[in-house]
Amino acid sequence: MSKQWAGKDGAFKRQQSSFKEIVSPSHPVYKPEMGRYWLYVSLACPWAHRTLITRAIKGLTNVIGVTVVHWHLDEKGWRLLTSNESLGVKAYTLAGGISTSKEDRSYAVGAIPNNSARLFVDSTFDPNNGFDRLSQLYYKSDPEYNARFTVPVLWDKKTNTIVNNESASIIRMFNSGVFDEFAGSDATGYDLTPKSLTPQIDEFNGWVYDNINNGVYKAGFAESAEVYEKEVTNVFENLDKVEKILADKYAKLEADLGKDARDKILQRFFTVGEQLTEADVRLYTTIIRFDPVYVQHFKCNFTTIRDGYPYIHLWLRNLYWNFDSFKETTNFEHIKLHYTRSHTRINFLGITPLGPKPDIRPL
């Protein structure tokens, strides 16, 4: 399995997405419609998590359905549970598409087998095709497909094919407003990439993606000590950079609003500008996994977020506890079980650590 991730030089290689169509009123085939498009995601995957957060922020949970793959990734890829139940879109309108862990479940992880089949807890099923493997979606779209079967997948129910499997593209598509007219009273109209901030967002996303989002993978999947040491050092150098940005931001807000105005400060405490943007969404999905997984599993253990980065930690808890779109799409049980049970070359015994406790600290 590891040879899928690392090259001969021991360095992690991320696969490029293959499906890159865009839903748009001007597209000859993929036009926006109510209930036509469906997301296939993993609650453990940070790239898929981006799409769930954006879908929730935009109020599209009744417009675009969701199927959640099982947390255990085996040699055949992502799998789904099967069911004879006839459920409509309403069953898939939760922000996360599945019942989320409302409390610290770390005490129970050791008792959960890899073939656990708890419907709407371990996985959902595919109401569109009845498939039990994500790979079947790929082969239905392209019989000659020969790469890894990745999430997220945006599926078109009308043409029975994958529209897009690139998370950055999907979240821009959701944010563009092409589905807003179908959201009704759920529509928020919130813009995660306002024109005045887009250059700053793109610049921030650029170095965060390469050095933090993907950086933890480059450290964790490294197959030589030299590569690992270089990559893990780079991750923390860039976390230091984010910490400085947020520390300066907090100091400015404190100077403007007063030291006792913490609640007002947190309403404007974001990475780019003073409003929630795509930059926060894309960074969050890595940072929320950092202490529970990346510290131990990917050996990113110079320090933890909670102990080493006070301003990143405050920013993280603010998003989790004050924004339902973040909290309701975050499932620590899936996150912990997936990484520690699926990457057998890294953790060949498949033992899932119980800590940290709690999964995330109170605000």
Protein backbone atom coordinates (compact mmCIF):
# COMPACT_ATOMS: atom_id res chain seq x y z
CA MET A 1 0.00 0.00 0.00
CA SER A 2 2.80 2.42 0.84
CA LYS A 3 4.17 2.30 -2.70
CA GLN A 4 1.02 4.10 -3.79
CA TRP A 5 2.03 7.01 -1.58
CA ALA A 6 5.82 7.34 -1.73
CA GLY A 7 8.19 7.42 -4.69
CA LYS A 8 11.59 5.74 -4.99
CA ASP A 9 13.18 8.71 -3.26
CA GLY A 10 11.00 8.08 -0.19
CA ALA A 11 8.95 11.25 -0.76
CA PHE A 12 5.15 11.40 -0.75
CA LYS A 13 3.50 11.95 -4.15
CA ARG A 14 -0.05 13.35 -4.22
CA GLN A 15 -2.25 12.14 -7.06
CA GLN A 16 -3.70 14.71 -9.45
CA SER A 17 -7.47 14.81 -9.87
CA SER A 18 -8.89 13.38 -13.10
CA PHE A 19 -12.41 14.85 -13.29
CA LYS A 20 -12.57 18.63 -13.55
CA GLU A 21 -15.91 19.70 -14.99
CA ILE A 22 -17.78 22.64 -13.44
CA VAL A 23 -21.51 22.98 -12.78
CA SER A 24 -22.62 26.24 -14.35
CA PRO A 25 -25.69 27.69 -16.12
CA SER A 26 -23.48 28.10 -19.19
CA HIS A 27 -22.17 24.53 -19.19
CA PRO A 28 -23.63 22.47 -22.06
CA VAL A 29 -24.25 19.45 -19.79
CA TYR A 30 -23.74 20.17 -16.08
CA LYS A 31 -26.30 22.82 -15.24
CA PRO A 32 -27.38 23.60 -11.68
CA GLU A 33 -30.55 21.79 -10.58
CA MET A 34 -32.23 20.85 -7.34
CA GLY A 35 -31.19 17.37 -6.14
CA ARG A 36 -29.27 16.50 -9.31
CA TYR A 37 -25.78 16.38 -7.78
CA TRP A 38 -24.50 14.14 -5.00
CA LEU A 39 -21.36 14.20 -2.85
CA TYR A 40 -19.42 11.09 -1.88
CA VAL A 41 -17.12 11.86 1.03
CA SER A 42 -15.04 10.45 3.84
CA LEU A 43 -15.48 12.11 7.22
CA ALA A 44 -11.83 11.28 7.90
CA CYS A 45 -10.42 12.95 4.78
CA PRO A 46 -9.47 16.63 5.18
CA TRP A 47 -10.00 17.28 1.45
CA ALA A 48 -13.55 15.87 1.53
CA HIS A 49 -14.22 17.68 4.80
CA ARG A 50 -13.73 21.00 3.01
CA THR A 51 -16.68 20.26 0.75
CA LEU A 52 -18.97 19.33 3.65
CA ILE A 53 -18.16 22.53 5.52
CA THR A 54 -18.74 24.69 2.44
CA ARG A 55 -21.97 22.87 1.61
CA ALA A 56 -23.21 23.58 5.14
CA ILE A 57 -22.07 27.21 5.21
CA LYS A 58 -23.91 27.88 1.93
CA GLY A 59 -27.13 26.21 3.14
CA LEU A 60 -27.02 23.49 0.47
CA THR A 61 -27.72 20.46 2.66
CA ASN A 62 -31.17 20.04 1.08
CA VAL A 63 -29.87 20.68 -2.44
CA ILE A 64 -26.89 18.33 -2.66
CA GLY A 65 -27.14 14.92 -1.01
CA VAL A 66 -24.27 13.12 0.69
CA THR A 67 -23.03 9.56 0.95
CA VAL A 68 -20.33 8.81 3.52
CA VAL A 69 -17.82 6.02 2.90
CA HIS A 70 -16.64 3.68 5.65
CA TRP A 71 -13.72 4.96 7.71
CA HIS A 72 -11.63 1.85 7.02
CA LEU A 73 -9.73 2.10 3.72
CA ASP A 74 -8.70 -1.40 2.66
CA GLU A 75 -6.71 -2.77 -0.29
CA LYS A 76 -9.72 -2.25 -2.58
CA GLY A 77 -10.24 1.36 -1.57
CA TRP A 78 -13.22 3.06 0.06
CA ARG A 79 -16.33 0.95 0.71
CA LEU A 80 -19.97 1.60 1.49
CA LEU A 81 -22.58 -0.26 3.46
CA THR A 82 -25.51 -1.80 1.62
CA SER A 83 -29.15 -1.36 2.56
CA ASN A 84 -32.58 -2.24 1.24
CA GLU A 85 -34.12 0.79 2.87
CA SER A 86 -35.75 3.33 0.60
CA LEU A 87 -34.68 6.72 1.89
CA GLY A 88 -35.13 10.05 0.21
CA VAL A 89 -32.88 13.08 0.13
CA LYS A 90 -34.15 14.14 3.55
CA ALA A 91 -32.16 11.31 5.13
CA TYR A 92 -28.95 12.84 3.81
CA THR A 93 -29.43 16.47 4.69
CA LEU A 94 -27.40 16.51 7.92
CA ALA A 95 -24.42 18.79 7.57
CA GLY A 96 -22.08 15.83 7.79
CA GLY A 97 -24.32 13.30 6.09
CA ILE A 98 -24.06 10.97 9.09
CA SER A 99 -24.57 11.05 12.83
CA THR A 100 -21.53 12.80 14.26
CA SER A 101 -19.70 12.03 17.49
CA LYS A 102 -21.27 14.36 20.03
CA GLU A 103 -18.89 13.37 22.81
CA ASP A 104 -15.42 11.97 23.38
CA ARG A 105 -15.65 8.40 22.05
CA SER A 106 -11.96 7.57 22.40
CA TYR A 107 -12.67 5.07 25.18
CA ALA A 108 -14.48 2.81 22.71
CA VAL A 109 -12.22 2.76 19.67
CA GLY A 110 -10.35 -0.41 20.57
CA ALA A 111 -13.54 -2.43 20.58
CA ILE A 112 -14.60 -1.37 17.07
CA PRO A 113 -13.55 -3.90 14.39
CA ASN A 114 -12.50 -2.79 10.92
CA ASN A 115 -15.53 -4.53 9.41
CA SER A 116 -17.96 -2.77 11.72
CA ALA A 117 -21.23 -2.13 9.86
CA ARG A 118 -23.17 0.44 11.88
CA LEU A 119 -25.41 2.15 9.33
CA PHE A 120 -25.21 5.95 9.62
CA VAL A 121 -22.37 5.60 12.13
CA ASP A 122 -19.58 3.80 10.25
CA SER A 123 -20.93 4.57 6.80
CA THR A 124 -24.02 5.29 4.77
CA PHE A 125 -25.02 3.59 1.52
CA ASP A 126 -25.30 4.57 -2.13
CA PRO A 127 -28.94 5.38 -2.98
CA ASN A 128 -28.08 6.31 -6.57
CA ASN A 129 -26.50 3.12 -7.88
CA GLY A 130 -26.52 0.65 -5.00
CA PHE A 131 -22.74 0.37 -5.20
CA ASP A 132 -20.71 -0.98 -2.30
CA ARG A 133 -17.40 0.46 -3.48
CA LEU A 134 -16.38 3.99 -4.45
CA SER A 135 -14.33 2.41 -7.24
CA GLN A 136 -17.56 1.47 -9.02
CA LEU A 137 -18.37 5.17 -9.48
CA TYR A 138 -14.98 5.68 -11.11
CA TYR A 139 -15.31 2.71 -13.43
CA LYS A 140 -18.86 3.71 -14.37
CA SER A 141 -17.52 7.14 -15.32
CA ASP A 142 -14.38 5.83 -17.01
CA PRO A 143 -13.98 2.06 -17.62
CA GLU A 144 -10.25 2.63 -18.28
CA TYR A 145 -9.60 4.46 -15.00
CA ASN A 146 -6.35 3.20 -13.43
CA ALA A 147 -5.49 5.50 -10.50
CA ARG A 148 -6.52 5.67 -6.84
CA PHE A 149 -10.19 6.11 -5.98
CA THR A 150 -10.21 9.37 -4.06
CA VAL A 151 -12.79 11.45 -2.22
CA PRO A 152 -14.54 13.81 -2.54
CA VAL A 153 -16.57 12.90 -5.60
CA LEU A 154 -19.29 15.15 -7.03
CA TRP A 155 -21.66 12.86 -8.93
CA ASP A 156 -24.27 13.79 -11.52
CA LYS A 157 -27.37 11.63 -11.09
CA LYS A 158 -28.73 12.62 -14.50
CA THR A 159 -25.77 11.53 -16.62
CA ASN A 160 -24.50 8.92 -14.13
CA THR A 161 -20.94 10.17 -14.12
CA ILE A 162 -18.39 11.96 -11.96
CA VAL A 163 -18.39 15.70 -12.55
CA ASN A 164 -15.46 16.64 -10.36
CA ASN A 165 -13.16 15.02 -7.79
CA GLU A 166 -10.98 18.01 -6.88
CA SER A 167 -11.92 19.49 -3.50
CA ALA A 168 -10.60 22.99 -4.20
CA SER A 169 -12.70 23.15 -7.36
CA ILE A 170 -15.82 21.75 -5.67
CA ILE A 171 -15.76 24.27 -2.82
CA ARG A 172 -15.34 27.16 -5.26
CA MET A 173 -18.25 25.75 -7.24
CA PHE A 174 -20.47 25.56 -4.14
CA ASN A 175 -19.46 29.05 -3.07
CA SER A 176 -20.07 30.54 -6.54
CA GLY A 177 -23.82 30.75 -5.88
CA VAL A 178 -24.93 28.47 -8.74
CA PHE A 179 -27.03 26.40 -6.33
CA ASP A 180 -28.28 29.20 -4.08
CA GLU A 181 -31.64 29.62 -5.84
CA PHE A 182 -32.59 26.06 -4.89
CA ALA A 183 -31.72 26.39 -1.20
CA GLY A 184 -34.85 28.37 -0.34
CA SER A 185 -34.95 29.52 3.27
CA ASP A 186 -31.69 27.66 3.95
CA ALA A 187 -29.74 29.88 1.54
CA THR A 188 -27.21 32.01 3.38
CA GLY A 189 -25.70 33.91 0.47
CA TYR A 190 -22.43 33.89 2.39
CA ASP A 191 -19.37 34.47 0.21
CA LEU A 192 -16.22 32.64 1.27
CA THR A 193 -14.14 34.32 -1.43
CA PRO A 194 -15.18 37.99 -1.53
CA LYS A 195 -13.57 39.80 -4.43
CA SER A 196 -11.70 42.23 -2.18
CA LEU A 197 -9.99 39.38 -0.32
CA THR A 198 -9.55 36.78 -3.08
CA PRO A 199 -5.90 37.66 -3.90
CA GLN A 200 -4.99 37.36 -0.20
CA ILE A 201 -6.98 34.12 0.14
CA ASP A 202 -5.26 32.59 -2.89
CA GLU A 203 -1.83 33.62 -1.63
CA PHE A 204 -2.52 32.20 1.85
CA ASN A 205 -3.99 28.98 0.47
CA GLY A 206 -0.96 28.51 -1.77
CA TRP A 207 1.68 28.21 0.92
CA VAL A 208 -0.65 26.61 3.47
CA TYR A 209 -1.56 23.84 1.01
CA ASP A 210 1.99 22.90 0.11
CA ASN A 211 3.54 23.28 3.55
CA ILE A 212 0.75 22.40 6.03
CA ASN A 213 -2.24 20.69 4.35
CA ASN A 214 -0.02 18.51 2.21
CA GLY A 215 3.01 18.99 4.44
CA VAL A 216 1.76 16.66 7.16
CA TYR A 217 1.31 13.94 4.52
CA LYS A 218 4.79 14.53 3.14
CA ALA A 219 6.16 14.05 6.65
CA GLY A 220 3.90 11.13 7.57
CA PHE A 221 4.37 9.08 4.40
CA ALA A 222 8.10 9.76 4.06
CA GLU A 223 10.05 6.55 3.70
CA SER A 224 13.47 7.91 4.52
CA ALA A 225 14.66 9.73 7.62
CA GLU A 226 16.19 12.49 5.54
CA VAL A 227 12.91 13.25 3.76
CA TYR A 228 10.89 13.02 6.98
CA GLU A 229 13.15 15.37 8.93
CA LYS A 230 13.09 17.95 6.16
CA GLU A 231 9.31 17.81 5.77
CA VAL A 232 8.36 17.79 9.45
CA THR A 233 10.64 20.77 10.10
CA ASN A 234 8.94 22.60 7.23
CA VAL A 235 5.47 21.89 8.67
CA PHE A 236 6.33 23.53 11.97
CA GLU A 237 8.11 26.47 10.36
CA ASN A 238 4.88 27.22 8.53
CA LEU A 239 2.72 26.67 11.61
CA ASP A 240 4.94 29.29 13.24
CA LYS A 241 4.07 31.59 10.34
CA VAL A 242 0.32 31.05 10.84
CA GLU A 243 0.71 31.60 14.59
CA LYS A 244 2.41 34.96 13.95
CA ILE A 245 -0.39 36.03 11.58
CA LEU A 246 -3.06 35.17 14.13
CA ALA A 247 -1.16 36.67 17.06
CA ASP A 248 -0.80 39.95 15.18
CA LYS A 249 -4.46 39.80 14.17
CA TYR A 250 -5.58 39.28 17.76
CA ALA A 251 -3.38 42.11 19.02
CA LYS A 252 -4.84 44.50 16.44
CA LEU A 253 -8.40 43.52 17.28
CA GLU A 254 -7.67 43.84 20.98
CA ALA A 255 -6.28 47.33 20.41
CA ASP A 256 -9.38 48.30 18.39
CA LEU A 257 -12.04 46.68 20.58
CA GLY A 258 -10.47 46.49 24.04
CA LYS A 259 -8.90 43.70 26.05
CA ASP A 260 -12.22 42.74 27.64
CA ALA A 261 -14.08 42.41 24.33
CA ARG A 262 -13.17 38.75 23.73
CA ASP A 263 -16.51 37.75 22.20
CA LYS A 264 -16.39 40.66 19.74
CA ILE A 265 -12.77 39.88 18.91
CA LEU A 266 -13.63 36.26 18.09
CA GLN A 267 -16.34 37.42 15.69
CA ARG A 268 -13.56 38.96 13.58
CA PHE A 269 -10.70 36.57 14.37
CA PHE A 270 -9.90 34.84 11.09
CA THR A 271 -6.83 34.14 8.98
CA VAL A 272 -7.52 36.53 6.09
CA GLY A 273 -9.38 39.77 6.64
CA GLU A 274 -11.88 39.95 9.49
CA GLN A 275 -14.52 37.52 8.23
CA LEU A 276 -14.78 33.78 7.71
CA THR A 277 -13.28 32.84 4.34
CA GLU A 278 -12.19 29.84 2.31
CA ALA A 279 -8.73 30.24 3.86
CA ASP A 280 -10.18 29.29 7.26
CA VAL A 281 -12.06 26.32 5.83
CA ARG A 282 -8.99 24.90 4.10
CA LEU A 283 -6.68 25.34 7.08
CA TYR A 284 -9.23 24.06 9.64
CA THR A 285 -9.49 20.57 8.19
CA THR A 286 -5.77 19.99 8.79
CA ILE A 287 -5.54 21.68 12.20
CA ILE A 288 -8.56 19.83 13.65
CA ARG A 289 -6.77 16.54 12.81
CA PHE A 290 -3.38 17.65 14.06
CA ASP A 291 -3.48 16.71 17.75
CA PRO A 292 -5.73 13.61 17.39
CA VAL A 293 -3.77 12.10 14.47
CA TYR A 294 -0.86 13.92 12.89
CA VAL A 295 1.17 14.33 16.09
CA GLN A 296 1.50 10.60 16.68
CA HIS A 297 0.56 8.91 13.41
CA PHE A 298 2.50 11.19 11.06
CA LYS A 299 5.22 11.91 13.63
CA CYS A 300 4.54 15.66 13.53
CA ASN A 301 5.47 15.84 17.18
CA PHE A 302 7.58 18.93 17.81
CA THR A 303 4.58 20.06 19.86
CA THR A 304 0.79 19.93 19.77
CA ILE A 305 -1.52 22.72 18.64
CA ARG A 306 -3.11 22.92 22.10
CA ASP A 307 0.24 23.24 23.89
CA GLY A 308 2.46 25.00 21.38
CA TYR A 309 0.30 27.41 19.39
CA PRO A 310 -2.06 29.45 21.60
CA TYR A 311 -3.47 31.65 18.83
CA ILE A 312 -4.00 28.82 16.34
CA HIS A 313 -5.63 26.87 19.17
CA LEU A 314 -7.98 29.76 19.95
CA TRP A 315 -8.82 30.19 16.25
CA LEU A 316 -9.53 26.44 15.95
CA ARG A 317 -11.80 26.30 18.99
CA ASN A 318 -13.63 29.43 17.87
CA LEU A 319 -14.50 27.80 14.54
CA TYR A 320 -15.48 24.47 16.12
CA TRP A 321 -17.60 25.74 19.00
CA ASN A 322 -19.13 28.86 17.42
CA PHE A 323 -19.90 27.61 13.88
CA ASP A 324 -22.18 24.60 13.45
CA SER A 325 -20.91 24.05 9.90
CA PHE A 326 -17.52 23.12 11.37
CA LYS A 327 -18.63 21.20 14.46
CA GLU A 328 -21.37 19.15 12.79
CA THR A 329 -19.08 17.98 9.99
CA THR A 330 -16.20 16.98 12.28
CA ASN A 331 -16.23 13.34 13.35
CA PHE A 332 -13.30 12.44 15.58
CA GLU A 333 -14.18 8.76 15.62
CA HIS A 334 -13.88 8.48 11.83
CA ILE A 335 -10.71 10.56 11.87
CA LYS A 336 -8.92 8.46 14.48
CA LEU A 337 -10.06 5.08 13.20
CA HIS A 338 -9.34 5.78 9.54
CA TYR A 339 -5.74 6.88 9.84
CA THR A 340 -4.65 4.37 12.47
CA ARG A 341 -6.41 1.34 10.92
CA SER A 342 -5.91 2.06 7.21
CA HIS A 343 -2.21 2.96 6.97
CA THR A 344 -0.82 -0.44 7.87
CA ARG A 345 2.73 0.36 6.80
CA ILE A 346 2.82 3.17 9.36
CA ASN A 347 0.80 1.42 12.09
CA PHE A 348 0.94 -2.28 11.25
CA LEU A 349 -0.70 -3.41 14.51
CA GLY A 350 -3.72 -1.18 13.86
CA ILE A 351 -3.94 0.02 17.46
CA THR A 352 -5.81 3.32 17.75
CA PRO A 353 -4.42 5.67 20.45
CA LEU A 354 -6.99 6.85 22.97
CA GLY A 355 -5.70 10.41 23.28
CA PRO A 356 -5.61 13.25 23.24
CA LYS A 357 -8.34 13.82 25.80
CA PRO A 358 -10.57 15.57 25.10
CA ASP A 359 -10.63 15.50 21.29
CA ILE A 360 -10.91 19.30 21.36
CA ARG A 361 -10.82 21.54 24.39
CA PRO A 362 -13.69 23.85 25.36
CA LEU A 363 -13.61 27.45 24.22
